[in-house]
Amino acid sequence: MERGLDLRGLVCPMPVIKTKKALSDISDGEVLKVLTTDPGSRSDIPALVKRIGFKIAEIQEDNGSYIFLITR
């Protein structure tokens, strides 16, 4: 199952805060798809994910948006 989190337009630290909250609600095997436009997210989101023991399945960049697929 995939959940989506649209954080486009938000700036640091909100994408990290909202991503962390959403990750606390996903189960094993679920995927969280996070969309951001904050360039800092490119390093901040992977750092958060690693710190709390989740994994980045994929990172994409598309016209100034960043797409993170995160698994538990």
N, C-alpha and C. Protein backbone atom coordinates (compact mmCIF):
# COMPACT_ATOMS: atom_id res chain seq x y z
N MET A 1 0.85 -1.19 0.00
CA MET A 1 0.00 0.00 0.00
C MET A 1 0.89 1.24 0.00
N GLU A 2 0.45 2.27 -0.69
CA GLU A 2 1.22 3.52 -0.76
C GLU A 2 0.37 4.66 -0.22
N ARG A 3 0.96 5.46 0.63
CA ARG A 3 0.32 6.68 1.14
C ARG A 3 1.05 7.87 0.53
N GLY A 4 0.34 8.97 0.37
CA GLY A 4 0.96 10.16 -0.20
C GLY A 4 0.96 11.31 0.79
N LEU A 5 2.01 12.12 0.69
CA LEU A 5 2.14 13.30 1.53
C LEU A 5 2.64 14.43 0.65
N ASP A 6 1.78 15.41 0.38
CA ASP A 6 2.12 16.53 -0.50
C ASP A 6 2.57 17.71 0.34
N LEU A 7 3.87 17.97 0.33
CA LEU A 7 4.44 19.06 1.14
C LEU A 7 5.01 20.16 0.25
N ARG A 8 4.58 20.21 -0.99
CA ARG A 8 5.08 21.24 -1.90
C ARG A 8 4.69 22.61 -1.38
N GLY A 9 5.64 23.54 -1.44
CA GLY A 9 5.40 24.91 -0.99
C GLY A 9 5.84 25.14 0.46
N LEU A 10 6.06 24.07 1.22
CA LEU A 10 6.53 24.23 2.60
C LEU A 10 8.05 24.31 2.62
N VAL A 11 8.57 25.06 3.57
CA VAL A 11 10.03 25.20 3.70
C VAL A 11 10.49 24.63 5.04
N CYS A 12 11.78 24.39 5.12
CA CYS A 12 12.41 23.82 6.30
C CYS A 12 12.00 24.61 7.55
N PRO A 13 11.65 23.92 8.60
CA PRO A 13 11.77 22.49 8.87
C PRO A 13 10.47 21.71 8.65
N MET A 14 9.44 22.33 8.10
CA MET A 14 8.13 21.68 8.02
C MET A 14 8.12 20.37 7.23
N PRO A 15 8.80 20.26 6.08
CA PRO A 15 8.77 18.96 5.39
C PRO A 15 9.31 17.82 6.26
N VAL A 16 10.35 18.08 7.03
CA VAL A 16 10.93 17.05 7.89
C VAL A 16 9.97 16.71 9.03
N ILE A 17 9.40 17.72 9.65
CA ILE A 17 8.48 17.51 10.77
C ILE A 17 7.26 16.71 10.32
N LYS A 18 6.67 17.10 9.20
CA LYS A 18 5.47 16.42 8.71
C LYS A 18 5.78 15.00 8.21
N THR A 19 6.96 14.83 7.62
CA THR A 19 7.36 13.49 7.17
C THR A 19 7.55 12.57 8.37
N LYS A 20 8.20 13.07 9.40
CA LYS A 20 8.42 12.25 10.60
C LYS A 20 7.10 11.82 11.21
N LYS A 21 6.15 12.73 11.29
CA LYS A 21 4.84 12.40 11.85
C LYS A 21 4.14 11.34 11.00
N ALA A 22 4.17 11.49 9.67
CA ALA A 22 3.52 10.54 8.78
C ALA A 22 4.17 9.16 8.86
N LEU A 23 5.50 9.13 9.02
CA LEU A 23 6.19 7.84 9.11
C LEU A 23 5.81 7.07 10.37
N SER A 24 5.44 7.78 11.40
CA SER A 24 5.05 7.09 12.64
C SER A 24 3.72 6.35 12.46
N ASP A 25 2.99 6.67 11.39
CA ASP A 25 1.68 6.06 11.16
C ASP A 25 1.69 4.94 10.12
N ILE A 26 2.83 4.65 9.50
CA ILE A 26 2.82 3.60 8.48
C ILE A 26 3.27 2.26 9.07
N SER A 27 2.75 1.19 8.47
CA SER A 27 3.05 -0.17 8.93
C SER A 27 4.16 -0.77 8.09
N ASP A 28 4.68 -1.90 8.56
CA ASP A 28 5.68 -2.64 7.79
C ASP A 28 5.13 -2.94 6.40
N GLY A 29 5.96 -2.73 5.39
CA GLY A 29 5.56 -3.02 4.02
C GLY A 29 4.87 -1.87 3.31
N GLU A 30 4.42 -0.87 4.04
CA GLU A 30 3.79 0.29 3.42
C GLU A 30 4.86 1.22 2.85
N VAL A 31 4.45 2.01 1.87
CA VAL A 31 5.33 3.00 1.25
C VAL A 31 4.72 4.38 1.47
N LEU A 32 5.54 5.32 1.87
CA LEU A 32 5.12 6.71 1.98
C LEU A 32 5.75 7.49 0.84
N LYS A 33 4.93 8.11 0.02
CA LYS A 33 5.41 8.93 -1.10
C LYS A 33 5.33 10.39 -0.66
N VAL A 34 6.49 11.03 -0.56
CA VAL A 34 6.57 12.42 -0.08
C VAL A 34 6.96 13.32 -1.25
N LEU A 35 6.17 14.36 -1.48
CA LEU A 35 6.45 15.36 -2.51
C LEU A 35 6.84 16.67 -1.83
N THR A 36 8.00 17.22 -2.21
CA THR A 36 8.43 18.51 -1.65
C THR A 36 8.99 19.39 -2.77
N THR A 37 9.08 20.67 -2.46
CA THR A 37 9.75 21.61 -3.37
C THR A 37 10.92 22.30 -2.68
N ASP A 38 11.10 22.05 -1.39
CA ASP A 38 12.20 22.66 -0.63
C ASP A 38 13.51 21.96 -0.97
N PRO A 39 14.49 22.68 -1.56
CA PRO A 39 15.77 22.05 -1.93
C PRO A 39 16.48 21.39 -0.75
N GLY A 40 16.29 21.90 0.44
CA GLY A 40 16.92 21.31 1.62
C GLY A 40 16.42 19.90 1.91
N SER A 41 15.23 19.60 1.41
CA SER A 41 14.66 18.27 1.61
C SER A 41 15.51 17.18 0.97
N ARG A 42 16.25 17.55 -0.06
CA ARG A 42 17.09 16.58 -0.79
C ARG A 42 18.08 15.90 0.16
N SER A 43 18.55 16.62 1.16
CA SER A 43 19.45 16.00 2.15
C SER A 43 18.76 15.74 3.49
N ASP A 44 17.80 16.61 3.85
CA ASP A 44 17.15 16.49 5.16
C ASP A 44 16.27 15.24 5.29
N ILE A 45 15.49 14.94 4.26
CA ILE A 45 14.58 13.78 4.33
C ILE A 45 15.39 12.47 4.43
N PRO A 46 16.39 12.24 3.56
CA PRO A 46 17.18 11.01 3.72
C PRO A 46 17.86 10.90 5.08
N ALA A 47 18.33 12.02 5.63
CA ALA A 47 18.98 11.99 6.95
C ALA A 47 17.98 11.58 8.03
N LEU A 48 16.77 12.12 7.96
CA LEU A 48 15.71 11.74 8.91
C LEU A 48 15.40 10.26 8.79
N VAL A 49 15.19 9.81 7.57
CA VAL A 49 14.81 8.42 7.32
C VAL A 49 15.86 7.46 7.87
N LYS A 50 17.11 7.76 7.63
CA LYS A 50 18.20 6.91 8.13
C LYS A 50 18.23 6.91 9.66
N ARG A 51 18.07 8.10 10.24
CA ARG A 51 18.15 8.24 11.70
C ARG A 51 17.06 7.44 12.42
N ILE A 52 15.86 7.35 11.84
CA ILE A 52 14.77 6.64 12.52
C ILE A 52 14.60 5.20 12.05
N GLY A 53 15.52 4.72 11.18
CA GLY A 53 15.52 3.31 10.82
C GLY A 53 14.63 2.90 9.67
N PHE A 54 14.19 3.85 8.87
CA PHE A 54 13.41 3.55 7.68
C PHE A 54 14.36 3.52 6.47
N LYS A 55 13.82 3.27 5.28
CA LYS A 55 14.67 3.22 4.09
C LYS A 55 14.05 4.03 2.96
N ILE A 56 14.92 4.67 2.18
CA ILE A 56 14.50 5.37 0.97
C ILE A 56 14.55 4.35 -0.17
N ALA A 57 13.41 4.08 -0.76
CA ALA A 57 13.37 3.14 -1.88
C ALA A 57 13.77 3.85 -3.17
N GLU A 58 13.42 5.14 -3.26
CA GLU A 58 13.70 5.88 -4.49
C GLU A 58 13.61 7.38 -4.23
N ILE A 59 14.45 8.14 -4.94
CA ILE A 59 14.37 9.60 -4.93
C ILE A 59 14.33 10.05 -6.38
N GLN A 60 13.36 10.92 -6.70
CA GLN A 60 13.25 11.47 -8.05
C GLN A 60 13.21 12.98 -7.96
N GLU A 61 13.69 13.62 -9.02
CA GLU A 61 13.55 15.08 -9.14
C GLU A 61 12.78 15.36 -10.41
N ASP A 62 11.80 16.26 -10.32
CA ASP A 62 10.96 16.55 -11.47
C ASP A 62 10.54 18.02 -11.44
N ASN A 63 11.13 18.84 -12.30
CA ASN A 63 10.76 20.26 -12.41
C ASN A 63 10.72 20.99 -11.08
N GLY A 64 11.77 20.84 -10.28
CA GLY A 64 11.83 21.55 -9.00
C GLY A 64 11.10 20.85 -7.87
N SER A 65 10.52 19.69 -8.11
CA SER A 65 9.91 18.90 -7.06
C SER A 65 10.78 17.70 -6.75
N TYR A 66 10.74 17.28 -5.53
CA TYR A 66 11.48 16.10 -5.09
C TYR A 66 10.46 15.07 -4.64
N ILE A 67 10.66 13.84 -5.08
CA ILE A 67 9.74 12.75 -4.75
C ILE A 67 10.54 11.68 -4.03
N PHE A 68 10.12 11.36 -2.82
CA PHE A 68 10.78 10.35 -2.00
C PHE A 68 9.81 9.20 -1.78
N LEU A 69 10.26 7.98 -2.04
CA LEU A 69 9.49 6.79 -1.71
C LEU A 69 10.19 6.14 -0.53
N ILE A 70 9.49 6.11 0.61
CA ILE A 70 10.08 5.67 1.87
C ILE A 70 9.34 4.43 2.36
N THR A 71 10.13 3.43 2.80
CA THR A 71 9.54 2.20 3.33
C THR A 71 9.96 2.00 4.78
N ARG A 72 9.14 1.26 5.48
CA ARG A 72 9.43 0.94 6.89
C ARG A 72 10.31 -0.29 6.95
